[in-house]
ModelCIF file with pLDDT and N, C-alpha, C, O atoms, coordinates in Angstrom:
data_MODEL
#
_entry.id   MODEL 
#
_entity.id                         1 
_entity.type                       polymer 
_entity.pdbx_number_of_molecules   1 
#
_entity_poly.entity_id                      1 
_entity_poly.type                           'polypeptide(L)' 
_entity_poly.nstd_linkage                   no 
_entity_poly.nstd_monomer                   no 
_entity_poly.pdbx_seq_one_letter_code       
;(UNK)(UNK)(UNK)(UNK)(UNK)(UNK)(UNK)(UNK)(UNK)(UNK)(UNK)(UNK)(UNK)(UNK)(UNK)(UNK)
(UNK)(UNK)(UNK)(UNK)(UNK)(UNK)(UNK)(UNK)(UNK)(UNK)(UNK)(UNK)(UNK)(UNK)(UNK)(UNK)
(UNK)(UNK)(UNK)(UNK)(UNK)(UNK)(UNK)(UNK)(UNK)(UNK)(UNK)(UNK)(UNK)(UNK)
;
_entity_poly.pdbx_seq_one_letter_code_can   XXXXXXXXXXXXXXXXXXXXXXXXXXXXXXXXXXXXXXXXXXXXXX 
_entity_poly.pdbx_strand_id                 A 
#
loop_
_entity_poly_seq.entity_id 
_entity_poly_seq.num 
_entity_poly_seq.mon_id 
_entity_poly_seq.hetero 
1 1  UNK n 
1 2  UNK n 
1 3  UNK n 
1 4  UNK n 
1 5  UNK n 
1 6  UNK n 
1 7  UNK n 
1 8  UNK n 
1 9  UNK n 
1 10 UNK n 
1 11 UNK n 
1 12 UNK n 
1 13 UNK n 
1 14 UNK n 
1 15 UNK n 
1 16 UNK n 
1 17 UNK n 
1 18 UNK n 
1 19 UNK n 
1 20 UNK n 
1 21 UNK n 
1 22 UNK n 
1 23 UNK n 
1 24 UNK n 
1 25 UNK n 
1 26 UNK n 
1 27 UNK n 
1 28 UNK n 
1 29 UNK n 
1 30 UNK n 
1 31 UNK n 
1 32 UNK n 
1 33 UNK n 
1 34 UNK n 
1 35 UNK n 
1 36 UNK n 
1 37 UNK n 
1 38 UNK n 
1 39 UNK n 
1 40 UNK n 
1 41 UNK n 
1 42 UNK n 
1 43 UNK n 
1 44 UNK n 
1 45 UNK n 
1 46 UNK n 
#
_struct_asym.id          A 
_struct_asym.entity_id   1 
#
loop_
_ma_qa_metric.id 
_ma_qa_metric.mode 
_ma_qa_metric.name 
_ma_qa_metric.software_group_id 
_ma_qa_metric.type 
1 global pLDDT . pLDDT 
2 local  pLDDT . pLDDT 
#
_ma_qa_metric_global.metric_id      1 
_ma_qa_metric_global.metric_value   96.33 
_ma_qa_metric_global.model_id       1 
_ma_qa_metric_global.ordinal_id     1 
#
loop_
_ma_qa_metric_local.label_asym_id 
_ma_qa_metric_local.label_comp_id 
_ma_qa_metric_local.label_seq_id 
_ma_qa_metric_local.metric_id 
_ma_qa_metric_local.metric_value 
_ma_qa_metric_local.model_id 
_ma_qa_metric_local.ordinal_id 
A UNK 1  2 98.00 1 1  
A UNK 2  2 97.00 1 2  
A UNK 3  2 97.00 1 3  
A UNK 4  2 97.00 1 4  
A UNK 5  2 97.00 1 5  
A UNK 6  2 97.00 1 6  
A UNK 7  2 96.00 1 7  
A UNK 8  2 96.00 1 8  
A UNK 9  2 96.00 1 9  
A UNK 10 2 95.00 1 10 
A UNK 11 2 96.00 1 11 
A UNK 12 2 90.00 1 12 
A UNK 13 2 94.00 1 13 
A UNK 14 2 96.00 1 14 
A UNK 15 2 97.00 1 15 
A UNK 16 2 98.00 1 16 
A UNK 17 2 98.00 1 17 
A UNK 18 2 97.00 1 18 
A UNK 19 2 95.00 1 19 
A UNK 20 2 92.00 1 20 
A UNK 21 2 94.00 1 21 
A UNK 22 2 96.00 1 22 
A UNK 23 2 95.00 1 23 
A UNK 24 2 94.00 1 24 
A UNK 25 2 96.00 1 25 
A UNK 26 2 97.00 1 26 
A UNK 27 2 97.00 1 27 
A UNK 28 2 96.00 1 28 
A UNK 29 2 96.00 1 29 
A UNK 30 2 97.00 1 30 
A UNK 31 2 98.00 1 31 
A UNK 32 2 97.00 1 32 
A UNK 33 2 98.00 1 33 
A UNK 34 2 98.00 1 34 
A UNK 35 2 98.00 1 35 
A UNK 36 2 97.00 1 36 
A UNK 37 2 97.00 1 37 
A UNK 38 2 97.00 1 38 
A UNK 39 2 97.00 1 39 
A UNK 40 2 96.00 1 40 
A UNK 41 2 97.00 1 41 
A UNK 42 2 97.00 1 42 
A UNK 43 2 97.00 1 43 
A UNK 44 2 97.00 1 44 
A UNK 45 2 97.00 1 45 
A UNK 46 2 96.00 1 46 
#
loop_
_atom_site.group_PDB 
_atom_site.id 
_atom_site.type_symbol 
_atom_site.label_atom_id 
_atom_site.label_alt_id 
_atom_site.label_comp_id 
_atom_site.label_asym_id 
_atom_site.label_entity_id 
_atom_site.label_seq_id 
_atom_site.pdbx_PDB_ins_code 
_atom_site.Cartn_x 
_atom_site.Cartn_y 
_atom_site.Cartn_z 
_atom_site.occupancy 
_atom_site.B_iso_or_equiv 
_atom_site.pdbx_formal_charge 
_atom_site.auth_seq_id 
_atom_site.auth_comp_id 
_atom_site.auth_asym_id 
_atom_site.auth_atom_id 
_atom_site.pdbx_PDB_model_num 
ATOM 1   N N  . UNK A 1 1  ? -18.047 94.958  -30.989 1.00 98.00 ? 1  UNK A N  1 
ATOM 2   C CA . UNK A 1 1  ? -18.849 94.669  -32.112 1.00 98.00 ? 1  UNK A CA 1 
ATOM 3   C C  . UNK A 1 1  ? -18.669 95.618  -33.140 1.00 98.00 ? 1  UNK A C  1 
ATOM 4   O O  . UNK A 1 1  ? -18.374 95.356  -34.306 1.00 98.00 ? 1  UNK A O  1 
ATOM 5   N N  . UNK A 1 2  ? -18.873 96.806  -32.620 1.00 97.00 ? 2  UNK A N  1 
ATOM 6   C CA . UNK A 1 2  ? -18.299 98.148  -33.611 1.00 97.00 ? 2  UNK A CA 1 
ATOM 7   C C  . UNK A 1 2  ? -16.941 97.982  -33.771 1.00 97.00 ? 2  UNK A C  1 
ATOM 8   O O  . UNK A 1 2  ? -16.659 98.416  -34.888 1.00 97.00 ? 2  UNK A O  1 
ATOM 9   N N  . UNK A 1 3  ? -16.061 97.612  -33.266 1.00 97.00 ? 3  UNK A N  1 
ATOM 10  C CA . UNK A 1 3  ? -14.564 97.841  -33.574 1.00 97.00 ? 3  UNK A CA 1 
ATOM 11  C C  . UNK A 1 3  ? -14.390 96.629  -34.752 1.00 97.00 ? 3  UNK A C  1 
ATOM 12  O O  . UNK A 1 3  ? -13.652 96.747  -35.731 1.00 97.00 ? 3  UNK A O  1 
ATOM 13  N N  . UNK A 1 4  ? -14.890 95.917  -34.571 1.00 97.00 ? 4  UNK A N  1 
ATOM 14  C CA . UNK A 1 4  ? -14.814 94.135  -35.377 1.00 97.00 ? 4  UNK A CA 1 
ATOM 15  C C  . UNK A 1 4  ? -15.258 94.637  -36.955 1.00 97.00 ? 4  UNK A C  1 
ATOM 16  O O  . UNK A 1 4  ? -14.706 94.351  -38.018 1.00 97.00 ? 4  UNK A O  1 
ATOM 17  N N  . UNK A 1 5  ? -16.517 95.531  -36.697 1.00 97.00 ? 5  UNK A N  1 
ATOM 18  C CA . UNK A 1 5  ? -17.448 95.736  -37.808 1.00 97.00 ? 5  UNK A CA 1 
ATOM 19  C C  . UNK A 1 5  ? -16.459 97.032  -38.703 1.00 97.00 ? 5  UNK A C  1 
ATOM 20  O O  . UNK A 1 5  ? -16.485 97.061  -39.933 1.00 97.00 ? 5  UNK A O  1 
ATOM 21  N N  . UNK A 1 6  ? -15.679 97.980  -37.939 1.00 97.00 ? 6  UNK A N  1 
ATOM 22  C CA . UNK A 1 6  ? -15.016 99.134  -38.439 1.00 97.00 ? 6  UNK A CA 1 
ATOM 23  C C  . UNK A 1 6  ? -13.723 98.693  -39.038 1.00 97.00 ? 6  UNK A C  1 
ATOM 24  O O  . UNK A 1 6  ? -13.039 99.397  -39.781 1.00 97.00 ? 6  UNK A O  1 
ATOM 25  N N  . UNK A 1 7  ? -13.427 97.439  -38.649 1.00 96.00 ? 7  UNK A N  1 
ATOM 26  C CA . UNK A 1 7  ? -12.283 97.021  -39.279 1.00 96.00 ? 7  UNK A CA 1 
ATOM 27  C C  . UNK A 1 7  ? -12.651 96.094  -40.323 1.00 96.00 ? 7  UNK A C  1 
ATOM 28  O O  . UNK A 1 7  ? -11.836 95.879  -41.221 1.00 96.00 ? 7  UNK A O  1 
ATOM 29  N N  . UNK A 1 8  ? -13.654 95.578  -40.321 1.00 96.00 ? 8  UNK A N  1 
ATOM 30  C CA . UNK A 1 8  ? -13.735 94.608  -41.559 1.00 96.00 ? 8  UNK A CA 1 
ATOM 31  C C  . UNK A 1 8  ? -14.345 95.338  -42.501 1.00 96.00 ? 8  UNK A C  1 
ATOM 32  O O  . UNK A 1 8  ? -14.451 94.786  -43.596 1.00 96.00 ? 8  UNK A O  1 
ATOM 33  N N  . UNK A 1 9  ? -14.910 96.752  -42.358 1.00 96.00 ? 9  UNK A N  1 
ATOM 34  C CA . UNK A 1 9  ? -15.283 97.435  -43.339 1.00 96.00 ? 9  UNK A CA 1 
ATOM 35  C C  . UNK A 1 9  ? -14.006 98.286  -44.027 1.00 96.00 ? 9  UNK A C  1 
ATOM 36  O O  . UNK A 1 9  ? -14.191 98.741  -45.155 1.00 96.00 ? 9  UNK A O  1 
ATOM 37  N N  . UNK A 1 10 ? -13.021 98.455  -43.521 1.00 95.00 ? 10 UNK A N  1 
ATOM 38  C CA . UNK A 1 10 ? -12.055 99.086  -43.638 1.00 95.00 ? 10 UNK A CA 1 
ATOM 39  C C  . UNK A 1 10 ? -12.030 100.587 -43.458 1.00 95.00 ? 10 UNK A C  1 
ATOM 40  O O  . UNK A 1 10 ? -11.568 101.448 -44.208 1.00 95.00 ? 10 UNK A O  1 
ATOM 41  N N  . UNK A 1 11 ? -12.652 100.704 -42.256 1.00 96.00 ? 11 UNK A N  1 
ATOM 42  C CA . UNK A 1 11 ? -13.061 102.403 -42.102 1.00 96.00 ? 11 UNK A CA 1 
ATOM 43  C C  . UNK A 1 11 ? -11.823 103.032 -42.126 1.00 96.00 ? 11 UNK A C  1 
ATOM 44  O O  . UNK A 1 11 ? -10.969 102.702 -41.303 1.00 96.00 ? 11 UNK A O  1 
ATOM 45  N N  . UNK A 1 12 ? -11.563 104.064 -43.122 1.00 90.00 ? 12 UNK A N  1 
ATOM 46  C CA . UNK A 1 12 ? -10.011 105.127 -42.710 1.00 90.00 ? 12 UNK A CA 1 
ATOM 47  C C  . UNK A 1 12 ? -10.157 105.958 -41.975 1.00 90.00 ? 12 UNK A C  1 
ATOM 48  O O  . UNK A 1 12 ? -9.087  106.431 -41.590 1.00 90.00 ? 12 UNK A O  1 
ATOM 49  N N  . UNK A 1 13 ? -11.475 106.630 -41.345 1.00 94.00 ? 13 UNK A N  1 
ATOM 50  C CA . UNK A 1 13 ? -11.738 107.638 -40.419 1.00 94.00 ? 13 UNK A CA 1 
ATOM 51  C C  . UNK A 1 13 ? -12.791 107.360 -39.792 1.00 94.00 ? 13 UNK A C  1 
ATOM 52  O O  . UNK A 1 13 ? -13.787 106.947 -40.386 1.00 94.00 ? 13 UNK A O  1 
ATOM 53  N N  . UNK A 1 14 ? -12.751 107.546 -38.412 1.00 96.00 ? 14 UNK A N  1 
ATOM 54  C CA . UNK A 1 14 ? -13.941 107.502 -37.397 1.00 96.00 ? 14 UNK A CA 1 
ATOM 55  C C  . UNK A 1 14 ? -13.956 108.372 -36.396 1.00 96.00 ? 14 UNK A C  1 
ATOM 56  O O  . UNK A 1 14 ? -12.862 108.902 -36.204 1.00 96.00 ? 14 UNK A O  1 
ATOM 57  N N  . UNK A 1 15 ? -14.981 108.767 -35.556 1.00 97.00 ? 15 UNK A N  1 
ATOM 58  C CA . UNK A 1 15 ? -15.240 109.548 -34.500 1.00 97.00 ? 15 UNK A CA 1 
ATOM 59  C C  . UNK A 1 15 ? -16.254 108.714 -33.964 1.00 97.00 ? 15 UNK A C  1 
ATOM 60  O O  . UNK A 1 15 ? -17.275 108.324 -34.531 1.00 97.00 ? 15 UNK A O  1 
ATOM 61  N N  . UNK A 1 16 ? -15.788 108.437 -32.592 1.00 98.00 ? 16 UNK A N  1 
ATOM 62  C CA . UNK A 1 16 ? -16.651 107.612 -31.377 1.00 98.00 ? 16 UNK A CA 1 
ATOM 63  C C  . UNK A 1 16 ? -16.955 108.862 -30.399 1.00 98.00 ? 16 UNK A C  1 
ATOM 64  O O  . UNK A 1 16 ? -16.136 109.744 -30.141 1.00 98.00 ? 16 UNK A O  1 
ATOM 65  N N  . UNK A 1 17 ? -18.262 108.785 -29.904 1.00 98.00 ? 17 UNK A N  1 
ATOM 66  C CA . UNK A 1 17 ? -18.360 109.869 -29.164 1.00 98.00 ? 17 UNK A CA 1 
ATOM 67  C C  . UNK A 1 17 ? -19.131 109.226 -28.134 1.00 98.00 ? 17 UNK A C  1 
ATOM 68  O O  . UNK A 1 17 ? -19.732 108.203 -28.462 1.00 98.00 ? 17 UNK A O  1 
ATOM 69  N N  . UNK A 1 18 ? -19.268 109.822 -26.407 1.00 97.00 ? 18 UNK A N  1 
ATOM 70  C CA . UNK A 1 18 ? -19.494 109.370 -25.543 1.00 97.00 ? 18 UNK A CA 1 
ATOM 71  C C  . UNK A 1 18 ? -20.359 110.600 -25.084 1.00 97.00 ? 18 UNK A C  1 
ATOM 72  O O  . UNK A 1 18 ? -19.903 111.732 -25.249 1.00 97.00 ? 18 UNK A O  1 
ATOM 73  N N  . UNK A 1 19 ? -21.707 110.395 -24.459 1.00 95.00 ? 19 UNK A N  1 
ATOM 74  C CA . UNK A 1 19 ? -22.563 111.417 -24.037 1.00 95.00 ? 19 UNK A CA 1 
ATOM 75  C C  . UNK A 1 19 ? -22.744 111.654 -22.105 1.00 95.00 ? 19 UNK A C  1 
ATOM 76  O O  . UNK A 1 19 ? -21.969 111.787 -21.158 1.00 95.00 ? 19 UNK A O  1 
ATOM 77  N N  . UNK A 1 20 ? -24.114 111.603 -22.293 1.00 92.00 ? 20 UNK A N  1 
ATOM 78  C CA . UNK A 1 20 ? -24.198 112.218 -20.816 1.00 92.00 ? 20 UNK A CA 1 
ATOM 79  C C  . UNK A 1 20 ? -23.644 111.355 -19.308 1.00 92.00 ? 20 UNK A C  1 
ATOM 80  O O  . UNK A 1 20 ? -23.226 111.897 -18.284 1.00 92.00 ? 20 UNK A O  1 
ATOM 81  N N  . UNK A 1 21 ? -23.834 109.560 -19.624 1.00 94.00 ? 21 UNK A N  1 
ATOM 82  C CA . UNK A 1 21 ? -23.571 108.809 -18.768 1.00 94.00 ? 21 UNK A CA 1 
ATOM 83  C C  . UNK A 1 21 ? -21.932 109.000 -18.117 1.00 94.00 ? 21 UNK A C  1 
ATOM 84  O O  . UNK A 1 21 ? -21.615 108.937 -16.929 1.00 94.00 ? 21 UNK A O  1 
ATOM 85  N N  . UNK A 1 22 ? -20.981 109.264 -19.376 1.00 96.00 ? 22 UNK A N  1 
ATOM 86  C CA . UNK A 1 22 ? -19.675 109.452 -19.234 1.00 96.00 ? 22 UNK A CA 1 
ATOM 87  C C  . UNK A 1 22 ? -19.525 110.533 -18.617 1.00 96.00 ? 22 UNK A C  1 
ATOM 88  O O  . UNK A 1 22 ? -18.865 110.522 -17.578 1.00 96.00 ? 22 UNK A O  1 
ATOM 89  N N  . UNK A 1 23 ? -20.210 111.976 -19.195 1.00 95.00 ? 23 UNK A N  1 
ATOM 90  C CA . UNK A 1 23 ? -19.996 113.044 -18.775 1.00 95.00 ? 23 UNK A CA 1 
ATOM 91  C C  . UNK A 1 23 ? -20.350 113.456 -17.029 1.00 95.00 ? 23 UNK A C  1 
ATOM 92  O O  . UNK A 1 23 ? -20.055 114.437 -16.346 1.00 95.00 ? 23 UNK A O  1 
ATOM 93  N N  . UNK A 1 24 ? -21.088 112.234 -16.747 1.00 94.00 ? 24 UNK A N  1 
ATOM 94  C CA . UNK A 1 24 ? -21.537 112.771 -15.288 1.00 94.00 ? 24 UNK A CA 1 
ATOM 95  C C  . UNK A 1 24 ? -20.844 111.691 -14.119 1.00 94.00 ? 24 UNK A C  1 
ATOM 96  O O  . UNK A 1 24 ? -20.774 111.877 -12.905 1.00 94.00 ? 24 UNK A O  1 
ATOM 97  N N  . UNK A 1 25 ? -20.473 110.784 -14.726 1.00 96.00 ? 25 UNK A N  1 
ATOM 98  C CA . UNK A 1 25 ? -19.811 109.440 -13.716 1.00 96.00 ? 25 UNK A CA 1 
ATOM 99  C C  . UNK A 1 25 ? -18.622 109.823 -13.129 1.00 96.00 ? 25 UNK A C  1 
ATOM 100 O O  . UNK A 1 25 ? -17.905 110.562 -13.804 1.00 96.00 ? 25 UNK A O  1 
ATOM 101 N N  . UNK A 1 26 ? -18.334 109.573 -12.293 1.00 97.00 ? 26 UNK A N  1 
ATOM 102 C CA . UNK A 1 26 ? -17.347 109.751 -11.575 1.00 97.00 ? 26 UNK A CA 1 
ATOM 103 C C  . UNK A 1 26 ? -16.061 108.988 -12.360 1.00 97.00 ? 26 UNK A C  1 
ATOM 104 O O  . UNK A 1 26 ? -14.989 109.551 -12.581 1.00 97.00 ? 26 UNK A O  1 
ATOM 105 N N  . UNK A 1 27 ? -16.382 107.579 -12.743 1.00 97.00 ? 27 UNK A N  1 
ATOM 106 C CA . UNK A 1 27 ? -15.263 106.943 -13.072 1.00 97.00 ? 27 UNK A CA 1 
ATOM 107 C C  . UNK A 1 27 ? -15.591 106.888 -14.868 1.00 97.00 ? 27 UNK A C  1 
ATOM 108 O O  . UNK A 1 27 ? -15.255 105.860 -15.458 1.00 97.00 ? 27 UNK A O  1 
ATOM 109 N N  . UNK A 1 28 ? -16.110 107.792 -15.496 1.00 96.00 ? 28 UNK A N  1 
ATOM 110 C CA . UNK A 1 28 ? -16.462 108.108 -16.656 1.00 96.00 ? 28 UNK A CA 1 
ATOM 111 C C  . UNK A 1 28 ? -15.020 108.080 -17.806 1.00 96.00 ? 28 UNK A C  1 
ATOM 112 O O  . UNK A 1 28 ? -15.111 107.788 -18.998 1.00 96.00 ? 28 UNK A O  1 
ATOM 113 N N  . UNK A 1 29 ? -13.768 108.448 -17.106 1.00 96.00 ? 29 UNK A N  1 
ATOM 114 C CA . UNK A 1 29 ? -12.682 108.416 -17.859 1.00 96.00 ? 29 UNK A CA 1 
ATOM 115 C C  . UNK A 1 29 ? -12.003 107.095 -17.666 1.00 96.00 ? 29 UNK A C  1 
ATOM 116 O O  . UNK A 1 29 ? -11.274 106.579 -18.512 1.00 96.00 ? 29 UNK A O  1 
ATOM 117 N N  . UNK A 1 30 ? -12.310 106.550 -16.419 1.00 97.00 ? 30 UNK A N  1 
ATOM 118 C CA . UNK A 1 30 ? -11.611 105.219 -16.069 1.00 97.00 ? 30 UNK A CA 1 
ATOM 119 C C  . UNK A 1 30 ? -12.193 104.210 -17.316 1.00 97.00 ? 30 UNK A C  1 
ATOM 120 O O  . UNK A 1 30 ? -11.502 103.537 -18.081 1.00 97.00 ? 30 UNK A O  1 
ATOM 121 N N  . UNK A 1 31 ? -13.738 104.318 -17.278 1.00 98.00 ? 31 UNK A N  1 
ATOM 122 C CA . UNK A 1 31 ? -14.352 103.818 -18.479 1.00 98.00 ? 31 UNK A CA 1 
ATOM 123 C C  . UNK A 1 31 ? -13.519 103.633 -19.843 1.00 98.00 ? 31 UNK A C  1 
ATOM 124 O O  . UNK A 1 31 ? -12.983 102.638 -20.332 1.00 98.00 ? 31 UNK A O  1 
ATOM 125 N N  . UNK A 1 32 ? -13.622 105.079 -20.306 1.00 97.00 ? 32 UNK A N  1 
ATOM 126 C CA . UNK A 1 32 ? -13.073 105.283 -21.706 1.00 97.00 ? 32 UNK A CA 1 
ATOM 127 C C  . UNK A 1 32 ? -11.366 104.556 -21.859 1.00 97.00 ? 32 UNK A C  1 
ATOM 128 O O  . UNK A 1 32 ? -10.823 104.016 -22.822 1.00 97.00 ? 32 UNK A O  1 
ATOM 129 N N  . UNK A 1 33 ? -11.038 104.741 -20.927 1.00 98.00 ? 33 UNK A N  1 
ATOM 130 C CA . UNK A 1 33 ? -9.667  104.000 -20.909 1.00 98.00 ? 33 UNK A CA 1 
ATOM 131 C C  . UNK A 1 33 ? -9.612  102.817 -21.203 1.00 98.00 ? 33 UNK A C  1 
ATOM 132 O O  . UNK A 1 33 ? -8.903  102.317 -22.077 1.00 98.00 ? 33 UNK A O  1 
ATOM 133 N N  . UNK A 1 34 ? -10.643 102.076 -20.221 1.00 98.00 ? 34 UNK A N  1 
ATOM 134 C CA . UNK A 1 34 ? -10.796 100.550 -20.579 1.00 98.00 ? 34 UNK A CA 1 
ATOM 135 C C  . UNK A 1 34 ? -11.208 100.102 -21.627 1.00 98.00 ? 34 UNK A C  1 
ATOM 136 O O  . UNK A 1 34 ? -10.797 99.010  -22.020 1.00 98.00 ? 34 UNK A O  1 
ATOM 137 N N  . UNK A 1 35 ? -12.278 100.954 -22.467 1.00 98.00 ? 35 UNK A N  1 
ATOM 138 C CA . UNK A 1 35 ? -12.663 100.570 -23.896 1.00 98.00 ? 35 UNK A CA 1 
ATOM 139 C C  . UNK A 1 35 ? -11.491 100.801 -24.908 1.00 98.00 ? 35 UNK A C  1 
ATOM 140 O O  . UNK A 1 35 ? -11.360 99.989  -25.824 1.00 98.00 ? 35 UNK A O  1 
ATOM 141 N N  . UNK A 1 36 ? -10.574 101.931 -24.789 1.00 97.00 ? 36 UNK A N  1 
ATOM 142 C CA . UNK A 1 36 ? -9.579  101.993 -25.668 1.00 97.00 ? 36 UNK A CA 1 
ATOM 143 C C  . UNK A 1 36 ? -8.316  101.003 -25.533 1.00 97.00 ? 36 UNK A C  1 
ATOM 144 O O  . UNK A 1 36 ? -7.402  100.929 -26.355 1.00 97.00 ? 36 UNK A O  1 
ATOM 145 N N  . UNK A 1 37 ? -8.431  100.257 -24.344 1.00 97.00 ? 37 UNK A N  1 
ATOM 146 C CA . UNK A 1 37 ? -7.353  99.198  -23.818 1.00 97.00 ? 37 UNK A CA 1 
ATOM 147 C C  . UNK A 1 37 ? -7.884  97.940  -24.972 1.00 97.00 ? 37 UNK A C  1 
ATOM 148 O O  . UNK A 1 37 ? -7.305  97.344  -25.881 1.00 97.00 ? 37 UNK A O  1 
ATOM 149 N N  . UNK A 1 38 ? -9.031  97.903  -24.512 1.00 97.00 ? 38 UNK A N  1 
ATOM 150 C CA . UNK A 1 38 ? -10.297 96.258  -24.974 1.00 97.00 ? 38 UNK A CA 1 
ATOM 151 C C  . UNK A 1 38 ? -10.647 96.442  -26.238 1.00 97.00 ? 38 UNK A C  1 
ATOM 152 O O  . UNK A 1 38 ? -11.185 95.439  -26.706 1.00 97.00 ? 38 UNK A O  1 
ATOM 153 N N  . UNK A 1 39 ? -10.562 97.236  -26.896 1.00 97.00 ? 39 UNK A N  1 
ATOM 154 C CA . UNK A 1 39 ? -11.505 97.344  -27.889 1.00 97.00 ? 39 UNK A CA 1 
ATOM 155 C C  . UNK A 1 39 ? -10.736 98.117  -29.281 1.00 97.00 ? 39 UNK A C  1 
ATOM 156 O O  . UNK A 1 39 ? -10.870 97.784  -30.459 1.00 97.00 ? 39 UNK A O  1 
ATOM 157 N N  . UNK A 1 40 ? -9.983  99.130  -28.781 1.00 96.00 ? 40 UNK A N  1 
ATOM 158 C CA . UNK A 1 40 ? -9.081  99.937  -29.598 1.00 96.00 ? 40 UNK A CA 1 
ATOM 159 C C  . UNK A 1 40 ? -9.835  101.292 -30.135 1.00 96.00 ? 40 UNK A C  1 
ATOM 160 O O  . UNK A 1 40 ? -9.335  102.020 -30.993 1.00 96.00 ? 40 UNK A O  1 
ATOM 161 N N  . UNK A 1 41 ? -11.226 101.555 -29.457 1.00 97.00 ? 41 UNK A N  1 
ATOM 162 C CA . UNK A 1 41 ? -11.804 102.641 -29.969 1.00 97.00 ? 41 UNK A CA 1 
ATOM 163 C C  . UNK A 1 41 ? -11.643 103.630 -28.622 1.00 97.00 ? 41 UNK A C  1 
ATOM 164 O O  . UNK A 1 41 ? -11.651 103.428 -27.408 1.00 97.00 ? 41 UNK A O  1 
ATOM 165 N N  . UNK A 1 42 ? -11.455 105.109 -29.709 1.00 97.00 ? 42 UNK A N  1 
ATOM 166 C CA . UNK A 1 42 ? -10.686 106.129 -28.671 1.00 97.00 ? 42 UNK A CA 1 
ATOM 167 C C  . UNK A 1 42 ? -12.042 106.786 -28.582 1.00 97.00 ? 42 UNK A C  1 
ATOM 168 O O  . UNK A 1 42 ? -12.326 107.643 -29.419 1.00 97.00 ? 42 UNK A O  1 
ATOM 169 N N  . UNK A 1 43 ? -12.935 106.446 -27.604 1.00 97.00 ? 43 UNK A N  1 
ATOM 170 C CA . UNK A 1 43 ? -14.337 107.792 -26.950 1.00 97.00 ? 43 UNK A CA 1 
ATOM 171 C C  . UNK A 1 43 ? -13.892 108.826 -26.779 1.00 97.00 ? 43 UNK A C  1 
ATOM 172 O O  . UNK A 1 43 ? -12.875 109.015 -26.112 1.00 97.00 ? 43 UNK A O  1 
ATOM 173 N N  . UNK A 1 44 ? -14.496 109.640 -27.293 1.00 97.00 ? 44 UNK A N  1 
ATOM 174 C CA . UNK A 1 44 ? -14.293 111.088 -26.899 1.00 97.00 ? 44 UNK A CA 1 
ATOM 175 C C  . UNK A 1 44 ? -15.763 111.590 -26.219 1.00 97.00 ? 44 UNK A C  1 
ATOM 176 O O  . UNK A 1 44 ? -16.838 111.514 -26.814 1.00 97.00 ? 44 UNK A O  1 
ATOM 177 N N  . UNK A 1 45 ? -15.615 112.025 -25.086 1.00 97.00 ? 45 UNK A N  1 
ATOM 178 C CA . UNK A 1 45 ? -16.394 112.531 -23.945 1.00 97.00 ? 45 UNK A CA 1 
ATOM 179 C C  . UNK A 1 45 ? -17.168 114.023 -24.457 1.00 97.00 ? 45 UNK A C  1 
ATOM 180 O O  . UNK A 1 45 ? -16.944 115.010 -23.757 1.00 97.00 ? 45 UNK A O  1 
ATOM 181 N N  . UNK A 1 46 ? -17.847 114.142 -25.371 1.00 96.00 ? 46 UNK A N  1 
ATOM 182 C CA . UNK A 1 46 ? -18.118 115.218 -25.715 1.00 96.00 ? 46 UNK A CA 1 
ATOM 183 C C  . UNK A 1 46 ? -19.281 116.220 -24.676 1.00 96.00 ? 46 UNK A C  1 
ATOM 184 O O  . UNK A 1 46 ? -19.584 117.363 -25.018 1.00 96.00 ? 46 UNK A O  1 
#
């Protein structure tokens, strides 16, 4: 839904962050890659 909104609003610059759950999870990086492939959003685990 977020990805669709970013495109519809013609967003030119975005930053997408993920926090504690992705920091702690052993499969956090795998999840981030799935998000990139399925939504186009590049999540940054900060």
